[in-house]
Amino acid sequence: MWKIIRTYKTDFGGSKRTVADVMCDCGKVEVRRLDHVKSGRTKFCKSCASKRTAKSHPPPYTYKGVGDLSATLYGHYKFGAEKRGIPFNVEIGYLWKLYEDQCRCCALSGEHISLSREIHKGNPKWSVITASLDRIDSKRPYELGNVQWVHKDVNNMKMSLGEERFIQLCHKIVEFN
């Protein structure tokens, strides 16, 4: 684990000891007592030792989401609505059940949509999430009966349109083309 770079005598804790400048496998150089290095009492730099400890003794983790709808993603939707001044009156359990009731498909296109528990740097992992929470009537708040899961591309196209107007435009686009 350690590569000994040099050894020397020093006053170590009130007595003369032989110490060594040692290099960890990760490249970090630290000073260790030579007898501890040779006996195997010390094997890694502090950083590598911490990582090994964390791996073998992970902290308790309590998942606060429901199904694949993480509390982080739910919080993103709630915070986004509040930031835009839109009341958000739906619970995480209701949204998960709605997602399952829609058979994990977009309410408007029927296309498969996905949620994910994965978190990347404290945020939902957007590259794998295709589901987007939509208000059926964009003039009303996020509330029971006024939300549905749609594909994120569909939600981007719909924006602030009501569902009826959006569908009318989709029909016109299909007829025209």
N, C-alpha and C. Protein backbone atom coordinates (compact mmCIF):
# COMPACT_ATOMS: atom_id res chain seq x y z
N MET A 1 0.83 -1.19 0.00
CA MET A 1 0.00 0.00 0.00
C MET A 1 0.87 1.25 0.00
N TRP A 2 1.84 1.28 0.92
CA TRP A 2 2.74 2.43 1.01
C TRP A 2 4.00 2.20 0.21
N LYS A 3 4.51 3.25 -0.39
CA LYS A 3 5.84 3.22 -0.99
C LYS A 3 6.69 4.17 -0.14
N ILE A 4 7.75 3.62 0.46
CA ILE A 4 8.61 4.44 1.33
C ILE A 4 9.51 5.29 0.45
N ILE A 5 9.42 6.62 0.65
CA ILE A 5 10.23 7.55 -0.12
C ILE A 5 11.56 7.81 0.58
N ARG A 6 11.51 8.08 1.90
CA ARG A 6 12.74 8.28 2.68
C ARG A 6 12.42 8.06 4.15
N THR A 7 13.41 7.68 4.92
CA THR A 7 13.26 7.52 6.36
C THR A 7 14.23 8.47 7.06
N TYR A 8 13.86 8.87 8.29
CA TYR A 8 14.72 9.77 9.07
C TYR A 8 14.28 9.74 10.53
N LYS A 9 15.16 10.17 11.41
CA LYS A 9 14.87 10.24 12.85
C LYS A 9 14.29 11.62 13.15
N THR A 10 13.33 11.62 14.07
CA THR A 10 12.72 12.88 14.47
C THR A 10 12.19 12.77 15.88
N ASP A 11 11.90 13.91 16.49
CA ASP A 11 11.28 13.94 17.81
C ASP A 11 9.78 13.74 17.57
N PHE A 12 9.29 12.58 17.90
CA PHE A 12 7.91 12.20 17.59
C PHE A 12 7.19 11.90 18.90
N GLY A 13 6.40 12.82 19.40
CA GLY A 13 5.68 12.62 20.66
C GLY A 13 6.58 12.58 21.87
N GLY A 14 7.67 13.34 21.86
CA GLY A 14 8.55 13.42 23.01
C GLY A 14 9.69 12.43 23.01
N SER A 15 9.76 11.55 22.02
CA SER A 15 10.88 10.60 21.95
C SER A 15 11.38 10.51 20.51
N LYS A 16 12.64 10.11 20.38
CA LYS A 16 13.21 9.96 19.03
C LYS A 16 12.62 8.73 18.37
N ARG A 17 12.10 8.91 17.20
CA ARG A 17 11.50 7.82 16.43
C ARG A 17 12.01 7.87 15.00
N THR A 18 11.96 6.75 14.37
CA THR A 18 12.25 6.72 12.94
C THR A 18 10.92 6.85 12.22
N VAL A 19 10.84 7.84 11.37
CA VAL A 19 9.62 8.07 10.60
C VAL A 19 9.94 7.95 9.12
N ALA A 20 8.89 7.92 8.32
CA ALA A 20 9.09 7.79 6.88
C ALA A 20 8.12 8.71 6.14
N ASP A 21 8.63 9.28 5.06
CA ASP A 21 7.74 9.93 4.09
C ASP A 21 7.28 8.80 3.20
N VAL A 22 5.99 8.58 3.16
CA VAL A 22 5.45 7.47 2.40
C VAL A 22 4.43 7.97 1.38
N MET A 23 4.31 7.24 0.29
CA MET A 23 3.34 7.59 -0.75
C MET A 23 2.27 6.51 -0.82
N CYS A 24 1.02 6.94 -0.75
CA CYS A 24 -0.13 6.03 -0.85
C CYS A 24 -0.32 5.65 -2.33
N ASP A 25 -1.09 4.61 -2.58
CA ASP A 25 -1.40 4.20 -3.95
C ASP A 25 -2.06 5.33 -4.74
N CYS A 26 -2.77 6.22 -4.03
CA CYS A 26 -3.45 7.33 -4.70
C CYS A 26 -2.49 8.46 -5.08
N GLY A 27 -1.25 8.40 -4.58
CA GLY A 27 -0.26 9.41 -4.91
C GLY A 27 -0.01 10.43 -3.82
N LYS A 28 -0.80 10.40 -2.76
CA LYS A 28 -0.64 11.35 -1.66
C LYS A 28 0.55 10.96 -0.79
N VAL A 29 1.35 11.96 -0.39
CA VAL A 29 2.52 11.71 0.45
C VAL A 29 2.20 12.16 1.87
N GLU A 30 2.50 11.28 2.85
CA GLU A 30 2.28 11.58 4.26
C GLU A 30 3.47 11.07 5.07
N VAL A 31 3.55 11.53 6.32
CA VAL A 31 4.60 11.09 7.25
C VAL A 31 3.97 10.07 8.19
N ARG A 32 4.65 8.91 8.34
CA ARG A 32 4.18 7.84 9.23
C ARG A 32 5.35 7.28 10.02
N ARG A 33 5.08 6.76 11.21
CA ARG A 33 6.11 6.04 11.96
C ARG A 33 6.52 4.82 11.16
N LEU A 34 7.81 4.61 11.04
CA LEU A 34 8.31 3.50 10.23
C LEU A 34 7.86 2.15 10.78
N ASP A 35 7.87 2.00 12.12
CA ASP A 35 7.43 0.71 12.68
C ASP A 35 5.96 0.44 12.38
N HIS A 36 5.12 1.47 12.28
CA HIS A 36 3.70 1.30 11.93
C HIS A 36 3.54 0.91 10.46
N VAL A 37 4.38 1.46 9.61
CA VAL A 37 4.33 1.11 8.19
C VAL A 37 4.74 -0.35 8.01
N LYS A 38 5.83 -0.75 8.64
CA LYS A 38 6.36 -2.11 8.48
C LYS A 38 5.43 -3.16 9.09
N SER A 39 4.77 -2.83 10.20
CA SER A 39 3.89 -3.80 10.85
C SER A 39 2.52 -3.89 10.18
N GLY A 40 2.20 -2.92 9.32
CA GLY A 40 0.89 -2.91 8.67
C GLY A 40 -0.17 -2.19 9.48
N ARG A 41 0.22 -1.57 10.58
CA ARG A 41 -0.74 -0.84 11.41
C ARG A 41 -1.34 0.33 10.63
N THR A 42 -0.57 0.93 9.76
CA THR A 42 -1.08 1.97 8.88
C THR A 42 -0.87 1.51 7.45
N LYS A 43 -1.91 1.62 6.65
CA LYS A 43 -1.84 1.09 5.30
C LYS A 43 -2.22 2.10 4.23
N PHE A 44 -2.98 3.12 4.62
CA PHE A 44 -3.52 4.06 3.64
C PHE A 44 -3.40 5.49 4.16
N CYS A 45 -3.46 6.45 3.24
CA CYS A 45 -3.53 7.85 3.64
C CYS A 45 -4.91 8.08 4.28
N LYS A 46 -5.09 9.21 4.94
CA LYS A 46 -6.36 9.47 5.62
C LYS A 46 -7.54 9.47 4.66
N SER A 47 -7.33 10.03 3.48
CA SER A 47 -8.40 10.10 2.50
C SER A 47 -8.84 8.71 2.04
N CYS A 48 -7.86 7.86 1.68
CA CYS A 48 -8.19 6.50 1.23
C CYS A 48 -8.78 5.67 2.36
N ALA A 49 -8.27 5.85 3.58
CA ALA A 49 -8.80 5.11 4.73
C ALA A 49 -10.25 5.50 4.98
N SER A 50 -10.57 6.79 4.86
CA SER A 50 -11.95 7.26 5.05
C SER A 50 -12.87 6.66 4.00
N LYS A 51 -12.41 6.62 2.76
CA LYS A 51 -13.23 6.06 1.68
C LYS A 51 -13.50 4.58 1.91
N ARG A 52 -12.48 3.83 2.36
CA ARG A 52 -12.65 2.41 2.63
C ARG A 52 -13.63 2.20 3.79
N THR A 53 -13.53 3.01 4.82
CA THR A 53 -14.43 2.91 5.97
C THR A 53 -15.86 3.21 5.53
N ALA A 54 -16.03 4.26 4.74
CA ALA A 54 -17.37 4.63 4.27
C ALA A 54 -17.98 3.53 3.43
N LYS A 55 -17.16 2.85 2.63
CA LYS A 55 -17.65 1.76 1.78
C LYS A 55 -18.12 0.58 2.61
N SER A 56 -17.34 0.23 3.63
CA SER A 56 -17.69 -0.95 4.42
C SER A 56 -18.68 -0.64 5.54
N HIS A 57 -18.86 0.61 5.89
CA HIS A 57 -19.81 1.01 6.93
C HIS A 57 -20.62 2.22 6.45
N PRO A 58 -21.49 2.02 5.44
CA PRO A 58 -22.24 3.16 4.92
C PRO A 58 -23.22 3.68 5.97
N PRO A 59 -23.51 4.98 5.91
CA PRO A 59 -24.47 5.54 6.85
C PRO A 59 -25.86 5.00 6.56
N PRO A 60 -26.73 4.99 7.55
CA PRO A 60 -28.10 4.52 7.27
C PRO A 60 -28.76 5.47 6.28
N TYR A 61 -29.48 4.91 5.33
CA TYR A 61 -30.13 5.71 4.30
C TYR A 61 -31.61 5.37 4.32
N THR A 62 -32.43 6.35 4.51
CA THR A 62 -33.87 6.15 4.50
C THR A 62 -34.43 6.82 3.26
N TYR A 63 -34.95 6.02 2.35
CA TYR A 63 -35.54 6.55 1.13
C TYR A 63 -36.86 7.20 1.48
N LYS A 64 -37.03 8.46 1.10
CA LYS A 64 -38.24 9.19 1.47
C LYS A 64 -39.21 9.33 0.31
N GLY A 65 -38.86 8.77 -0.84
CA GLY A 65 -39.75 8.84 -1.98
C GLY A 65 -40.79 7.73 -1.92
N VAL A 66 -41.57 7.64 -2.98
CA VAL A 66 -42.55 6.57 -3.12
C VAL A 66 -42.30 5.96 -4.49
N GLY A 67 -42.07 4.65 -4.52
CA GLY A 67 -41.73 4.00 -5.79
C GLY A 67 -40.49 4.64 -6.37
N ASP A 68 -40.54 4.96 -7.65
CA ASP A 68 -39.42 5.63 -8.30
C ASP A 68 -39.54 7.14 -8.27
N LEU A 69 -40.54 7.66 -7.60
CA LEU A 69 -40.69 9.11 -7.46
C LEU A 69 -39.95 9.54 -6.20
N SER A 70 -38.73 10.03 -6.38
CA SER A 70 -37.91 10.40 -5.23
C SER A 70 -38.43 11.68 -4.58
N ALA A 71 -38.12 11.83 -3.31
CA ALA A 71 -38.49 13.06 -2.59
C ALA A 71 -37.77 14.26 -3.21
N THR A 72 -36.60 14.02 -3.78
CA THR A 72 -35.85 15.10 -4.44
C THR A 72 -36.60 15.60 -5.67
N LEU A 73 -37.10 14.68 -6.50
CA LEU A 73 -37.84 15.07 -7.70
C LEU A 73 -39.17 15.72 -7.30
N TYR A 74 -39.85 15.14 -6.32
CA TYR A 74 -41.10 15.72 -5.83
C TYR A 74 -40.85 17.16 -5.35
N GLY A 75 -39.78 17.33 -4.58
CA GLY A 75 -39.43 18.67 -4.08
C GLY A 75 -39.13 19.63 -5.22
N HIS A 76 -38.53 19.12 -6.29
CA HIS A 76 -38.25 19.97 -7.46
C HIS A 76 -39.56 20.51 -8.05
N TYR A 77 -40.55 19.62 -8.22
CA TYR A 77 -41.84 20.06 -8.77
C TYR A 77 -42.52 21.07 -7.83
N LYS A 78 -42.50 20.76 -6.55
CA LYS A 78 -43.16 21.63 -5.56
C LYS A 78 -42.48 23.00 -5.50
N PHE A 79 -41.15 23.02 -5.43
CA PHE A 79 -40.41 24.27 -5.36
C PHE A 79 -40.61 25.09 -6.64
N GLY A 80 -40.60 24.41 -7.80
CA GLY A 80 -40.79 25.10 -9.07
C GLY A 80 -42.16 25.77 -9.14
N ALA A 81 -43.19 25.08 -8.65
CA ALA A 81 -44.54 25.66 -8.65
C ALA A 81 -44.59 26.87 -7.72
N GLU A 82 -44.04 26.72 -6.52
CA GLU A 82 -44.05 27.82 -5.55
C GLU A 82 -43.28 29.03 -6.07
N LYS A 83 -42.17 28.77 -6.76
CA LYS A 83 -41.36 29.85 -7.33
C LYS A 83 -42.15 30.64 -8.38
N ARG A 84 -43.05 29.95 -9.09
CA ARG A 84 -43.88 30.61 -10.10
C ARG A 84 -45.21 31.12 -9.52
N GLY A 85 -45.37 30.99 -8.19
CA GLY A 85 -46.59 31.48 -7.54
C GLY A 85 -47.80 30.61 -7.78
N ILE A 86 -47.58 29.32 -8.08
CA ILE A 86 -48.68 28.39 -8.34
C ILE A 86 -48.84 27.47 -7.13
N PRO A 87 -50.03 27.45 -6.52
CA PRO A 87 -50.24 26.54 -5.38
C PRO A 87 -49.99 25.08 -5.78
N PHE A 88 -49.38 24.34 -4.87
CA PHE A 88 -49.04 22.94 -5.12
C PHE A 88 -49.68 22.12 -4.01
N ASN A 89 -50.81 21.49 -4.32
CA ASN A 89 -51.60 20.79 -3.31
C ASN A 89 -51.76 19.30 -3.60
N VAL A 90 -50.68 18.64 -4.02
CA VAL A 90 -50.74 17.20 -4.26
C VAL A 90 -49.60 16.54 -3.49
N GLU A 91 -49.89 15.41 -2.91
CA GLU A 91 -48.91 14.68 -2.11
C GLU A 91 -48.15 13.70 -2.99
N ILE A 92 -46.98 13.32 -2.54
CA ILE A 92 -46.11 12.43 -3.29
C ILE A 92 -46.77 11.07 -3.56
N GLY A 93 -47.50 10.54 -2.58
CA GLY A 93 -48.18 9.26 -2.75
C GLY A 93 -49.24 9.31 -3.85
N TYR A 94 -49.96 10.42 -3.91
CA TYR A 94 -50.99 10.61 -4.94
C TYR A 94 -50.34 10.62 -6.33
N LEU A 95 -49.21 11.33 -6.45
CA LEU A 95 -48.54 11.42 -7.75
C LEU A 95 -47.98 10.07 -8.20
N TRP A 96 -47.47 9.28 -7.25
CA TRP A 96 -46.97 7.96 -7.62
C TRP A 96 -48.12 7.06 -8.07
N LYS A 97 -49.23 7.09 -7.35
CA LYS A 97 -50.38 6.26 -7.73
C LYS A 97 -50.90 6.68 -9.10
N LEU A 98 -50.93 7.99 -9.36
CA LEU A 98 -51.36 8.49 -10.67
C LEU A 98 -50.44 7.96 -11.77
N TYR A 99 -49.15 7.98 -11.53
CA TYR A 99 -48.16 7.46 -12.49
C TYR A 99 -48.43 5.97 -12.77
N GLU A 100 -48.68 5.21 -11.73
CA GLU A 100 -48.99 3.79 -11.92
C GLU A 100 -50.33 3.59 -12.61
N ASP A 101 -51.34 4.39 -12.23
CA ASP A 101 -52.66 4.30 -12.86
C ASP A 101 -52.58 4.61 -14.36
N GLN A 102 -51.65 5.47 -14.75
CA GLN A 102 -51.45 5.79 -16.17
C GLN A 102 -50.58 4.74 -16.86
N CYS A 103 -50.27 3.65 -16.15
CA CYS A 103 -49.44 2.55 -16.66
C CYS A 103 -48.07 3.05 -17.11
N ARG A 104 -47.56 4.08 -16.41
CA ARG A 104 -46.24 4.66 -16.71
C ARG A 104 -46.15 5.17 -18.14
N CYS A 105 -47.30 5.68 -18.62
CA CYS A 105 -47.38 6.21 -19.98
C CYS A 105 -47.87 7.65 -19.94
N CYS A 106 -47.49 8.40 -20.96
CA CYS A 106 -47.92 9.79 -21.11
C CYS A 106 -49.44 9.83 -21.28
N ALA A 107 -50.10 10.71 -20.53
CA ALA A 107 -51.56 10.81 -20.59
C ALA A 107 -52.04 11.34 -21.94
N LEU A 108 -51.19 12.03 -22.69
CA LEU A 108 -51.62 12.61 -23.96
C LEU A 108 -51.14 11.84 -25.19
N SER A 109 -49.96 11.23 -25.14
CA SER A 109 -49.43 10.54 -26.32
C SER A 109 -49.44 9.02 -26.18
N GLY A 110 -49.55 8.52 -24.96
CA GLY A 110 -49.49 7.08 -24.73
C GLY A 110 -48.07 6.54 -24.72
N GLU A 111 -47.09 7.41 -24.94
CA GLU A 111 -45.69 6.98 -24.97
C GLU A 111 -45.22 6.63 -23.57
N HIS A 112 -44.35 5.62 -23.47
CA HIS A 112 -43.79 5.22 -22.17
C HIS A 112 -43.01 6.40 -21.58
N ILE A 113 -43.17 6.63 -20.28
CA ILE A 113 -42.42 7.66 -19.57
C ILE A 113 -41.75 7.04 -18.35
N SER A 114 -40.64 7.63 -17.93
CA SER A 114 -39.93 7.04 -16.80
C SER A 114 -39.59 8.07 -15.74
N LEU A 115 -39.60 7.59 -14.51
CA LEU A 115 -39.12 8.34 -13.35
C LEU A 115 -37.87 7.60 -12.87
N SER A 116 -37.10 8.23 -12.03
CA SER A 116 -35.90 7.56 -11.53
C SER A 116 -35.55 8.06 -10.15
N ARG A 117 -35.10 7.13 -9.30
CA ARG A 117 -34.63 7.49 -7.96
C ARG A 117 -33.23 8.09 -8.01
N GLU A 118 -32.55 7.92 -9.15
CA GLU A 118 -31.15 8.33 -9.25
C GLU A 118 -30.98 9.83 -9.01
N ILE A 119 -29.96 10.13 -8.26
CA ILE A 119 -29.62 11.52 -7.94
C ILE A 119 -28.21 11.78 -8.46
N HIS A 120 -28.01 12.93 -9.08
CA HIS A 120 -26.68 13.31 -9.57
C HIS A 120 -26.34 14.68 -9.00
N LYS A 121 -25.34 14.73 -8.15
CA LYS A 121 -24.90 15.98 -7.50
C LYS A 121 -26.06 16.68 -6.79
N GLY A 122 -26.87 15.88 -6.08
CA GLY A 122 -27.96 16.43 -5.28
C GLY A 122 -29.22 16.78 -6.05
N ASN A 123 -29.25 16.50 -7.35
CA ASN A 123 -30.42 16.80 -8.17
C ASN A 123 -30.93 15.53 -8.83
N PRO A 124 -32.20 15.54 -9.26
CA PRO A 124 -32.68 14.38 -10.01
C PRO A 124 -31.80 14.15 -11.24
N LYS A 125 -31.63 12.90 -11.63
CA LYS A 125 -30.82 12.60 -12.81
C LYS A 125 -31.71 12.76 -14.05
N TRP A 126 -31.70 13.99 -14.58
CA TRP A 126 -32.61 14.37 -15.65
C TRP A 126 -32.40 13.56 -16.93
N SER A 127 -31.21 13.04 -17.15
CA SER A 127 -30.95 12.30 -18.39
C SER A 127 -31.76 11.01 -18.49
N VAL A 128 -32.27 10.50 -17.38
CA VAL A 128 -33.05 9.25 -17.43
C VAL A 128 -34.54 9.48 -17.16
N ILE A 129 -34.91 10.68 -16.76
CA ILE A 129 -36.31 10.99 -16.45
C ILE A 129 -36.99 11.55 -17.69
N THR A 130 -38.06 10.88 -18.15
CA THR A 130 -38.82 11.40 -19.28
C THR A 130 -40.21 11.86 -18.87
N ALA A 131 -40.62 11.55 -17.64
CA ALA A 131 -41.93 11.95 -17.16
C ALA A 131 -41.89 13.40 -16.69
N SER A 132 -43.00 14.10 -16.90
CA SER A 132 -43.11 15.48 -16.48
C SER A 132 -44.51 15.69 -15.91
N LEU A 133 -44.59 16.40 -14.81
CA LEU A 133 -45.89 16.66 -14.18
C LEU A 133 -46.56 17.85 -14.87
N ASP A 134 -47.79 17.64 -15.32
CA ASP A 134 -48.52 18.65 -16.09
C ASP A 134 -49.82 19.00 -15.41
N ARG A 135 -50.17 20.29 -15.47
CA ARG A 135 -51.51 20.71 -15.04
C ARG A 135 -52.43 20.62 -16.26
N ILE A 136 -53.51 19.93 -16.13
CA ILE A 136 -54.46 19.76 -17.23
C ILE A 136 -55.00 21.12 -17.65
N ASP A 137 -55.44 21.90 -16.68
CA ASP A 137 -55.87 23.27 -16.93
C ASP A 137 -54.80 24.18 -16.33
N SER A 138 -54.03 24.81 -17.18
CA SER A 138 -52.89 25.60 -16.73
C SER A 138 -53.27 26.85 -15.93
N LYS A 139 -54.57 27.18 -15.89
CA LYS A 139 -55.01 28.32 -15.09
C LYS A 139 -55.29 27.93 -13.64
N ARG A 140 -55.36 26.63 -13.39
CA ARG A 140 -55.64 26.13 -12.03
C ARG A 140 -54.35 25.64 -11.38
N PRO A 141 -54.36 25.48 -10.05
CA PRO A 141 -53.15 25.01 -9.35
C PRO A 141 -52.89 23.52 -9.56
N TYR A 142 -51.75 23.08 -9.04
CA TYR A 142 -51.46 21.66 -8.97
C TYR A 142 -52.35 21.12 -7.86
N GLU A 143 -53.40 20.40 -8.24
CA GLU A 143 -54.35 19.89 -7.26
C GLU A 143 -54.95 18.58 -7.77
N LEU A 144 -55.60 17.86 -6.87
CA LEU A 144 -56.23 16.60 -7.24
C LEU A 144 -57.15 16.81 -8.43
N GLY A 145 -57.04 15.95 -9.41
CA GLY A 145 -57.89 16.03 -10.60
C GLY A 145 -57.38 17.00 -11.66
N ASN A 146 -56.36 17.79 -11.36
CA ASN A 146 -55.84 18.73 -12.36
C ASN A 146 -54.39 18.45 -12.74
N VAL A 147 -53.90 17.27 -12.40
CA VAL A 147 -52.53 16.92 -12.77
C VAL A 147 -52.51 15.60 -13.51
N GLN A 148 -51.52 15.46 -14.35
CA GLN A 148 -51.31 14.22 -15.10
C GLN A 148 -49.83 14.13 -15.43
N TRP A 149 -49.38 12.90 -15.66
CA TRP A 149 -48.00 12.69 -16.10
C TRP A 149 -47.97 12.66 -17.61
N VAL A 150 -47.08 13.45 -18.19
CA VAL A 150 -46.91 13.46 -19.63
C VAL A 150 -45.42 13.33 -19.94
N HIS A 151 -45.11 13.05 -21.20
CA HIS A 151 -43.71 13.01 -21.62
C HIS A 151 -43.18 14.44 -21.55
N LYS A 152 -41.93 14.59 -21.14
CA LYS A 152 -41.37 15.93 -20.96
C LYS A 152 -41.37 16.74 -22.27
N ASP A 153 -41.23 16.08 -23.42
CA ASP A 153 -41.29 16.80 -24.69
C ASP A 153 -42.70 17.32 -24.95
N VAL A 154 -43.70 16.53 -24.61
CA VAL A 154 -45.09 16.95 -24.77
C VAL A 154 -45.36 18.15 -23.87
N ASN A 155 -44.88 18.11 -22.63
CA ASN A 155 -45.10 19.22 -21.70
C ASN A 155 -44.41 20.49 -22.20
N ASN A 156 -43.23 20.35 -22.78
CA ASN A 156 -42.55 21.52 -23.33
C ASN A 156 -43.35 22.13 -24.48
N MET A 157 -43.96 21.29 -25.31
CA MET A 157 -44.76 21.80 -26.42
C MET A 157 -46.07 22.43 -25.92
N LYS A 158 -46.67 21.81 -24.93
CA LYS A 158 -47.95 22.29 -24.41
C LYS A 158 -47.81 23.60 -23.67
N MET A 159 -46.75 23.73 -22.92
CA MET A 159 -46.47 24.93 -22.10
C MET A 159 -47.70 25.39 -21.35
N SER A 160 -48.18 26.60 -21.61
CA SER A 160 -49.28 27.16 -20.83
C SER A 160 -50.65 26.95 -21.48
N LEU A 161 -50.68 26.19 -22.55
CA LEU A 161 -51.97 25.93 -23.20
C LEU A 161 -52.81 24.98 -22.35
N GLY A 162 -54.09 25.13 -22.44
CA GLY A 162 -54.98 24.15 -21.84
C GLY A 162 -54.92 22.88 -22.69
N GLU A 163 -55.30 21.78 -22.09
CA GLU A 163 -55.22 20.50 -22.80
C GLU A 163 -56.06 20.49 -24.07
N GLU A 164 -57.26 21.03 -24.01
CA GLU A 164 -58.17 21.02 -25.17
C GLU A 164 -57.56 21.79 -26.34
N ARG A 165 -57.02 22.97 -26.09
CA ARG A 165 -56.41 23.78 -27.15
C ARG A 165 -55.17 23.08 -27.72
N PHE A 166 -54.38 22.49 -26.86
CA PHE A 166 -53.19 21.79 -27.31
C PHE A 166 -53.56 20.65 -28.26
N ILE A 167 -54.57 19.88 -27.89
CA ILE A 167 -54.99 18.74 -28.72
C ILE A 167 -55.56 19.23 -30.04
N GLN A 168 -56.32 20.35 -30.02
CA GLN A 168 -56.83 20.93 -31.27
C GLN A 168 -55.68 21.27 -32.22
N LEU A 169 -54.64 21.90 -31.68
CA LEU A 169 -53.49 22.26 -32.51
C LEU A 169 -52.78 21.02 -33.04
N CYS A 170 -52.67 19.99 -32.22
CA CYS A 170 -52.03 18.74 -32.68
C CYS A 170 -52.81 18.15 -33.84
N HIS A 171 -54.15 18.15 -33.76
CA HIS A 171 -54.98 17.63 -34.86
C HIS A 171 -54.74 18.45 -36.13
N LYS A 172 -54.69 19.76 -35.99
CA LYS A 172 -54.47 20.63 -37.16
C LYS A 172 -53.10 20.36 -37.79
N ILE A 173 -52.10 20.13 -36.95
CA ILE A 173 -50.76 19.84 -37.47
C ILE A 173 -50.77 18.54 -38.25
N VAL A 174 -51.44 17.52 -37.72
CA VAL A 174 -51.51 16.23 -38.40
C VAL A 174 -52.28 16.36 -39.72
N GLU A 175 -53.42 17.06 -39.70
CA GLU A 175 -54.22 17.23 -40.91
C GLU A 175 -53.44 18.01 -41.97
N PHE A 176 -52.74 19.04 -41.56
CA PHE A 176 -52.00 19.89 -42.50
C PHE A 176 -50.85 19.12 -43.14
N ASN A 177 -50.24 18.22 -42.38
CA ASN A 177 -49.10 17.46 -42.90
C ASN A 177 -49.52 16.13 -43.48
